[in-house]
PDB file of N, CA and C in Angstrom:
ATOM      1  N   MET A   1      76.947 -20.153  -8.279  1.00  0.00           N
ATOM      2  CA  MET A   1      76.901 -18.819  -8.847  1.00  0.00           C
ATOM      3  C   MET A   1      77.751 -18.778 -10.118  1.00  0.00           C
ATOM      4  N   LYS A   2      77.236 -18.145 -11.141  1.00  0.00           N
ATOM      5  CA  LYS A   2      77.970 -18.016 -12.401  1.00  0.00           C
ATOM      6  C   LYS A   2      79.116 -17.023 -12.239  1.00  0.00           C
ATOM      7  N   LYS A   3      80.197 -17.279 -12.959  1.00  0.00           N
ATOM      8  CA  LYS A   3      81.343 -16.384 -12.924  1.00  0.00           C
ATOM      9  C   LYS A   3      81.109 -15.192 -13.837  1.00  0.00           C
ATOM     10  N   LEU A   4      81.663 -14.053 -13.426  1.00  0.00           N
ATOM     11  CA  LEU A   4      81.628 -12.841 -14.228  1.00  0.00           C
ATOM     12  C   LEU A   4      82.868 -12.810 -15.111  1.00  0.00           C
ATOM     13  N   ILE A   5      82.694 -12.411 -16.351  1.00  0.00           N
ATOM     14  CA  ILE A   5      83.807 -12.265 -17.286  1.00  0.00           C
ATOM     15  C   ILE A   5      83.843 -10.810 -17.734  1.00  0.00           C
ATOM     16  N   TYR A   6      84.969 -10.134 -17.457  1.00  0.00           N
ATOM     17  CA  TYR A   6      85.151  -8.739 -17.854  1.00  0.00           C
ATOM     18  C   TYR A   6      85.568  -8.718 -19.325  1.00  0.00           C
ATOM     19  N   ILE A   7      84.800  -8.019 -20.149  1.00  0.00           N
ATOM     20  CA  ILE A   7      85.089  -7.913 -21.576  1.00  0.00           C
ATOM     21  C   ILE A   7      85.886  -6.632 -21.818  1.00  0.00           C
ATOM     22  N   ALA A   8      87.115  -6.791 -22.267  1.00  0.00           N
ATOM     23  CA  ALA A   8      87.965  -5.651 -22.622  1.00  0.00           C
ATOM     24  C   ALA A   8      88.274  -5.761 -24.108  1.00  0.00           C
ATOM     25  N   SER A   9      87.789  -4.801 -24.871  1.00  0.00           N
ATOM     26  CA  SER A   9      88.018  -4.804 -26.312  1.00  0.00           C
ATOM     27  C   SER A   9      88.063  -3.357 -26.790  1.00  0.00           C
ATOM     28  N   PRO A  10      88.611  -3.128 -27.993  1.00  0.00           N
ATOM     29  CA  PRO A  10      88.692  -1.757 -28.514  1.00  0.00           C
ATOM     30  C   PRO A  10      87.307  -1.135 -28.634  1.00  0.00           C
ATOM     31  N   LEU A  11      87.267   0.184 -28.524  1.00  0.00           N
ATOM     32  CA  LEU A  11      85.995   0.871 -28.726  1.00  0.00           C
ATOM     33  C   LEU A  11      86.139   1.965 -29.774  1.00  0.00           C
ATOM     34  N   ARG A  12      86.860   2.997 -29.438  1.00  0.00           N
ATOM     35  CA  ARG A  12      86.901   4.170 -30.299  1.00  0.00           C
ATOM     36  C   ARG A  12      87.754   3.973 -31.551  1.00  0.00           C
ATOM     37  N   GLY A  13      88.769   3.183 -31.472  1.00  0.00           N
ATOM     38  CA  GLY A  13      89.605   2.946 -32.647  1.00  0.00           C
ATOM     39  C   GLY A  13      90.258   4.213 -33.141  1.00  0.00           C
ATOM     40  N   SER A  14      90.208   4.449 -34.423  1.00  0.00           N
ATOM     41  CA  SER A  14      90.843   5.617 -35.022  1.00  0.00           C
ATOM     42  C   SER A  14      89.868   6.793 -35.133  1.00  0.00           C
ATOM     43  N   CYS A  15      88.852   6.800 -34.301  1.00  0.00           N
ATOM     44  CA  CYS A  15      87.816   7.842 -34.298  1.00  0.00           C
ATOM     45  C   CYS A  15      86.956   7.819 -35.560  1.00  0.00           C
ATOM     46  N   ASN A  16      87.141   6.819 -36.390  1.00  0.00           N
ATOM     47  CA  ASN A  16      86.334   6.628 -37.578  1.00  0.00           C
ATOM     48  C   ASN A  16      85.014   5.998 -37.145  1.00  0.00           C
ATOM     49  N   TYR A  17      83.904   6.581 -37.579  1.00  0.00           N
ATOM     50  CA  TYR A  17      82.593   6.093 -37.151  1.00  0.00           C
ATOM     51  C   TYR A  17      82.378   4.633 -37.504  1.00  0.00           C
ATOM     52  N   GLU A  18      82.859   4.210 -38.668  1.00  0.00           N
ATOM     53  CA  GLU A  18      82.701   2.809 -39.074  1.00  0.00           C
ATOM     54  C   GLU A  18      83.486   1.882 -38.143  1.00  0.00           C
ATOM     55  N   ASN A  19      84.702   2.277 -37.777  1.00  0.00           N
ATOM     56  CA  ASN A  19      85.496   1.480 -36.829  1.00  0.00           C
ATOM     57  C   ASN A  19      84.800   1.400 -35.479  1.00  0.00           C
ATOM     58  N   TYR A  20      84.258   2.528 -35.054  1.00  0.00           N
ATOM     59  CA  TYR A  20      83.556   2.589 -33.774  1.00  0.00           C
ATOM     60  C   TYR A  20      82.374   1.618 -33.780  1.00  0.00           C
ATOM     61  N   LYS A  21      81.557   1.660 -34.813  1.00  0.00           N
ATOM     62  CA  LYS A  21      80.390   0.770 -34.901  1.00  0.00           C
ATOM     63  C   LYS A  21      80.829  -0.693 -34.963  1.00  0.00           C
ATOM     64  N   TYR A  22      81.887  -0.959 -35.710  1.00  0.00           N
ATOM     65  CA  TYR A  22      82.422  -2.320 -35.793  1.00  0.00           C
ATOM     66  C   TYR A  22      82.867  -2.797 -34.412  1.00  0.00           C
ATOM     67  N   ASN A  23      83.583  -1.939 -33.686  1.00  0.00           N
ATOM     68  CA  ASN A  23      84.059  -2.309 -32.351  1.00  0.00           C
ATOM     69  C   ASN A  23      82.908  -2.570 -31.382  1.00  0.00           C
ATOM     70  N   ILE A  24      81.846  -1.787 -31.489  1.00  0.00           N
ATOM     71  CA  ILE A  24      80.654  -2.012 -30.660  1.00  0.00           C
ATOM     72  C   ILE A  24      80.054  -3.377 -30.992  1.00  0.00           C
ATOM     73  N   GLU A  25      79.915  -3.661 -32.268  1.00  0.00           N
ATOM     74  CA  GLU A  25      79.336  -4.950 -32.667  1.00  0.00           C
ATOM     75  C   GLU A  25      80.203  -6.119 -32.211  1.00  0.00           C
ATOM     76  N   MET A  26      81.506  -5.977 -32.286  1.00  0.00           N
ATOM     77  CA  MET A  26      82.402  -7.043 -31.834  1.00  0.00           C
ATOM     78  C   MET A  26      82.278  -7.244 -30.321  1.00  0.00           C
ATOM     79  N   ALA A  27      82.199  -6.164 -29.563  1.00  0.00           N
ATOM     80  CA  ALA A  27      82.038  -6.278 -28.111  1.00  0.00           C
ATOM     81  C   ALA A  27      80.728  -7.009 -27.781  1.00  0.00           C
ATOM     82  N   LYS A  28      79.675  -6.693 -28.521  1.00  0.00           N
ATOM     83  CA  LYS A  28      78.401  -7.395 -28.326  1.00  0.00           C
ATOM     84  C   LYS A  28      78.556  -8.883 -28.637  1.00  0.00           C
ATOM     85  N   ARG A  29      79.294  -9.188 -29.694  1.00  0.00           N
ATOM     86  CA  ARG A  29      79.522 -10.584 -30.075  1.00  0.00           C
ATOM     87  C   ARG A  29      80.295 -11.318 -28.965  1.00  0.00           C
ATOM     88  N   TYR A  30      81.320 -10.656 -28.413  1.00  0.00           N
ATOM     89  CA  TYR A  30      82.084 -11.264 -27.322  1.00  0.00           C
ATOM     90  C   TYR A  30      81.171 -11.540 -26.124  1.00  0.00           C
ATOM     91  N   CYS A  31      80.297 -10.587 -25.821  1.00  0.00           N
ATOM     92  CA  CYS A  31      79.363 -10.763 -24.702  1.00  0.00           C
ATOM     93  C   CYS A  31      78.420 -11.939 -24.958  1.00  0.00           C
ATOM     94  N   LYS A  32      77.953 -12.050 -26.177  1.00  0.00           N
ATOM     95  CA  LYS A  32      77.043 -13.144 -26.516  1.00  0.00           C
ATOM     96  C   LYS A  32      77.754 -14.491 -26.386  1.00  0.00           C
ATOM     97  N   THR A  33      78.996 -14.552 -26.846  1.00  0.00           N
ATOM     98  CA  THR A  33      79.781 -15.787 -26.747  1.00  0.00           C
ATOM     99  C   THR A  33      79.978 -16.191 -25.294  1.00  0.00           C
ATOM    100  N   VAL A  34      80.341 -15.223 -24.462  1.00  0.00           N
ATOM    101  CA  VAL A  34      80.543 -15.485 -23.033  1.00  0.00           C
ATOM    102  C   VAL A  34      79.243 -15.987 -22.408  1.00  0.00           C
ATOM    103  N   THR A  35      78.120 -15.379 -22.794  1.00  0.00           N
ATOM    104  CA  THR A  35      76.813 -15.794 -22.270  1.00  0.00           C
ATOM    105  C   THR A  35      76.485 -17.227 -22.690  1.00  0.00           C
ATOM    106  N   LYS A  36      76.761 -17.553 -23.946  1.00  0.00           N
ATOM    107  CA  LYS A  36      76.495 -18.910 -24.436  1.00  0.00           C
ATOM    108  C   LYS A  36      77.342 -19.953 -23.708  1.00  0.00           C
ATOM    109  N   GLU A  37      78.501 -19.531 -23.221  1.00  0.00           N
ATOM    110  CA  GLU A  37      79.378 -20.433 -22.475  1.00  0.00           C
ATOM    111  C   GLU A  37      78.960 -20.566 -21.013  1.00  0.00           C
ATOM    112  N   GLY A  38      77.913 -19.830 -20.623  1.00  0.00           N
ATOM    113  CA  GLY A  38      77.373 -19.962 -19.278  1.00  0.00           C
ATOM    114  C   GLY A  38      77.895 -18.965 -18.262  1.00  0.00           C
ATOM    115  N   TYR A  39      78.555 -17.924 -18.737  1.00  0.00           N
ATOM    116  CA  TYR A  39      79.093 -16.904 -17.841  1.00  0.00           C
ATOM    117  C   TYR A  39      78.317 -15.598 -17.995  1.00  0.00           C
ATOM    118  N   ILE A  40      78.616 -14.646 -17.133  1.00  0.00           N
ATOM    119  CA  ILE A  40      77.970 -13.336 -17.182  1.00  0.00           C
ATOM    120  C   ILE A  40      78.989 -12.321 -17.687  1.00  0.00           C
ATOM    121  N   PRO A  41      78.757 -11.732 -18.875  1.00  0.00           N
ATOM    122  CA  PRO A  41      79.706 -10.747 -19.386  1.00  0.00           C
ATOM    123  C   PRO A  41      79.525  -9.386 -18.710  1.00  0.00           C
ATOM    124  N   ILE A  42      80.645  -8.753 -18.426  1.00  0.00           N
ATOM    125  CA  ILE A  42      80.651  -7.388 -17.902  1.00  0.00           C
ATOM    126  C   ILE A  42      81.426  -6.556 -18.919  1.00  0.00           C
ATOM    127  N   ALA A  43      80.743  -5.660 -19.600  1.00  0.00           N
ATOM    128  CA  ALA A  43      81.360  -4.842 -20.652  1.00  0.00           C
ATOM    129  C   ALA A  43      81.058  -3.368 -20.398  1.00  0.00           C
ATOM    130  N   PRO A  44      81.802  -2.742 -19.490  1.00  0.00           N
ATOM    131  CA  PRO A  44      81.532  -1.343 -19.151  1.00  0.00           C
ATOM    132  C   PRO A  44      81.568  -0.405 -20.357  1.00  0.00           C
ATOM    133  N   HIS A  45      82.434  -0.689 -21.326  1.00  0.00           N
ATOM    134  CA  HIS A  45      82.527   0.205 -22.485  1.00  0.00           C
ATOM    135  C   HIS A  45      81.254   0.172 -23.333  1.00  0.00           C
ATOM    136  N   LEU A  46      80.492  -0.882 -23.241  1.00  0.00           N
ATOM    137  CA  LEU A  46      79.186  -0.900 -23.909  1.00  0.00           C
ATOM    138  C   LEU A  46      78.150  -0.149 -23.076  1.00  0.00           C
ATOM    139  N   TYR A  47      78.174  -0.386 -21.797  1.00  0.00           N
ATOM    140  CA  TYR A  47      77.186   0.212 -20.897  1.00  0.00           C
ATOM    141  C   TYR A  47      77.390   1.720 -20.739  1.00  0.00           C
ATOM    142  N   PHE A  48      78.608   2.124 -20.419  1.00  0.00           N
ATOM    143  CA  PHE A  48      78.867   3.537 -20.133  1.00  0.00           C
ATOM    144  C   PHE A  48      78.677   4.432 -21.350  1.00  0.00           C
ATOM    145  N   THR A  49      78.924   3.910 -22.539  1.00  0.00           N
ATOM    146  CA  THR A  49      78.740   4.736 -23.738  1.00  0.00           C
ATOM    147  C   THR A  49      77.266   4.966 -24.064  1.00  0.00           C
ATOM    148  N   GLU A  50      76.382   4.290 -23.360  1.00  0.00           N
ATOM    149  CA  GLU A  50      74.952   4.543 -23.539  1.00  0.00           C
ATOM    150  C   GLU A  50      74.535   5.873 -22.917  1.00  0.00           C
ATOM    151  N   PHE A  51      75.270   6.341 -21.904  1.00  0.00           N
ATOM    152  CA  PHE A  51      74.899   7.606 -21.265  1.00  0.00           C
ATOM    153  C   PHE A  51      76.054   8.584 -21.100  1.00  0.00           C
ATOM    154  N   LEU A  52      77.278   8.178 -21.448  1.00  0.00           N
ATOM    155  CA  LEU A  52      78.422   9.088 -21.447  1.00  0.00           C
ATOM    156  C   LEU A  52      78.904   9.238 -22.887  1.00  0.00           C
ATOM    157  N   ASN A  53      79.269  10.459 -23.258  1.00  0.00           N
ATOM    158  CA  ASN A  53      79.733  10.745 -24.612  1.00  0.00           C
ATOM    159  C   ASN A  53      81.224  10.466 -24.705  1.00  0.00           C
ATOM    160  N   ASP A  54      81.600   9.463 -25.461  1.00  0.00           N
ATOM    161  CA  ASP A  54      83.003   9.069 -25.599  1.00  0.00           C
ATOM    162  C   ASP A  54      83.837  10.134 -26.304  1.00  0.00           C
ATOM    163  N   LYS A  55      83.199  11.047 -27.015  1.00  0.00           N
ATOM    164  CA  LYS A  55      83.925  12.116 -27.707  1.00  0.00           C
ATOM    165  C   LYS A  55      84.187  13.320 -26.795  1.00  0.00           C
ATOM    166  N   ASN A  56      83.510  13.361 -25.654  1.00  0.00           N
ATOM    167  CA  ASN A  56      83.719  14.426 -24.675  1.00  0.00           C
ATOM    168  C   ASN A  56      84.838  13.981 -23.728  1.00  0.00           C
ATOM    169  N   LYS A  57      85.924  14.754 -23.658  1.00  0.00           N
ATOM    170  CA  LYS A  57      87.099  14.330 -22.888  1.00  0.00           C
ATOM    171  C   LYS A  57      86.779  14.033 -21.427  1.00  0.00           C
ATOM    172  N   LYS A  58      85.969  14.879 -20.791  1.00  0.00           N
ATOM    173  CA  LYS A  58      85.629  14.660 -19.377  1.00  0.00           C
ATOM    174  C   LYS A  58      84.790  13.390 -19.203  1.00  0.00           C
ATOM    175  N   GLU A  59      83.815  13.209 -20.084  1.00  0.00           N
ATOM    176  CA  GLU A  59      82.956  12.033 -19.973  1.00  0.00           C
ATOM    177  C   GLU A  59      83.710  10.760 -20.337  1.00  0.00           C
ATOM    178  N   ARG A  60      84.614  10.838 -21.310  1.00  0.00           N
ATOM    179  CA  ARG A  60      85.439   9.675 -21.657  1.00  0.00           C
ATOM    180  C   ARG A  60      86.325   9.288 -20.480  1.00  0.00           C
ATOM    181  N   SER A  61      86.938  10.286 -19.866  1.00  0.00           N
ATOM    182  CA  SER A  61      87.798  10.039 -18.709  1.00  0.00           C
ATOM    183  C   SER A  61      87.003   9.398 -17.573  1.00  0.00           C
ATOM    184  N   LEU A  62      85.798   9.912 -17.334  1.00  0.00           N
ATOM    185  CA  LEU A  62      84.939   9.345 -16.295  1.00  0.00           C
ATOM    186  C   LEU A  62      84.599   7.893 -16.633  1.00  0.00           C
ATOM    187  N   GLY A  63      84.261   7.641 -17.883  1.00  0.00           N
ATOM    188  CA  GLY A  63      83.945   6.257 -18.296  1.00  0.00           C
ATOM    189  C   GLY A  63      85.114   5.316 -18.086  1.00  0.00           C
ATOM    190  N   LEU A  64      86.306   5.772 -18.410  1.00  0.00           N
ATOM    191  CA  LEU A  64      87.503   4.943 -18.196  1.00  0.00           C
ATOM    192  C   LEU A  64      87.733   4.680 -16.710  1.00  0.00           C
ATOM    193  N   GLN A  65      87.552   5.710 -15.896  1.00  0.00           N
ATOM    194  CA  GLN A  65      87.691   5.550 -14.435  1.00  0.00           C
ATOM    195  C   GLN A  65      86.672   4.544 -13.908  1.00  0.00           C
ATOM    196  N   LEU A  66      85.438   4.688 -14.340  1.00  0.00           N
ATOM    197  CA  LEU A  66      84.376   3.790 -13.878  1.00  0.00           C
ATOM    198  C   LEU A  66      84.664   2.350 -14.304  1.00  0.00           C
ATOM    199  N   GLY A  67      85.149   2.191 -15.527  1.00  0.00           N
ATOM    200  CA  GLY A  67      85.492   0.860 -16.014  1.00  0.00           C
ATOM    201  C   GLY A  67      86.588   0.214 -15.159  1.00  0.00           C
ATOM    202  N   LEU A  68      87.569   1.012 -14.775  1.00  0.00           N
ATOM    203  CA  LEU A  68      88.639   0.491 -13.910  1.00  0.00           C
ATOM    204  C   LEU A  68      88.089   0.131 -12.530  1.00  0.00           C
ATOM    205  N   GLU A  69      87.155   0.906 -12.026  1.00  0.00           N
ATOM    206  CA  GLU A  69      86.537   0.600 -10.734  1.00  0.00           C
ATOM    207  C   GLU A  69      85.794  -0.734 -10.805  1.00  0.00           C
ATOM    208  N   VAL A  70      85.101  -0.967 -11.902  1.00  0.00           N
ATOM    209  CA  VAL A  70      84.376  -2.224 -12.072  1.00  0.00           C
ATOM    210  C   VAL A  70      85.366  -3.387 -12.116  1.00  0.00           C
ATOM    211  N   LEU A  71      86.473  -3.173 -12.825  1.00  0.00           N
ATOM    212  CA  LEU A  71      87.481  -4.225 -12.930  1.00  0.00           C
ATOM    213  C   LEU A  71      88.065  -4.561 -11.567  1.00  0.00           C
TER     214      LEU A  71
END
């Protein structure tokens, strides 16, 4: 069975949209690197932001809680 690798990297940054997009792209790059090394990346901050709004305090808090549960 392949090992799971939890990807923890910045997401929101300084709330600047460009920083946010850069951080998303870097997280994707980390996931791709882990995959190329033969592991399975787990990146909750990429997944949860697809359906939770990181700018909404309640949804951000929920995403952080869920990420900790996955960890």
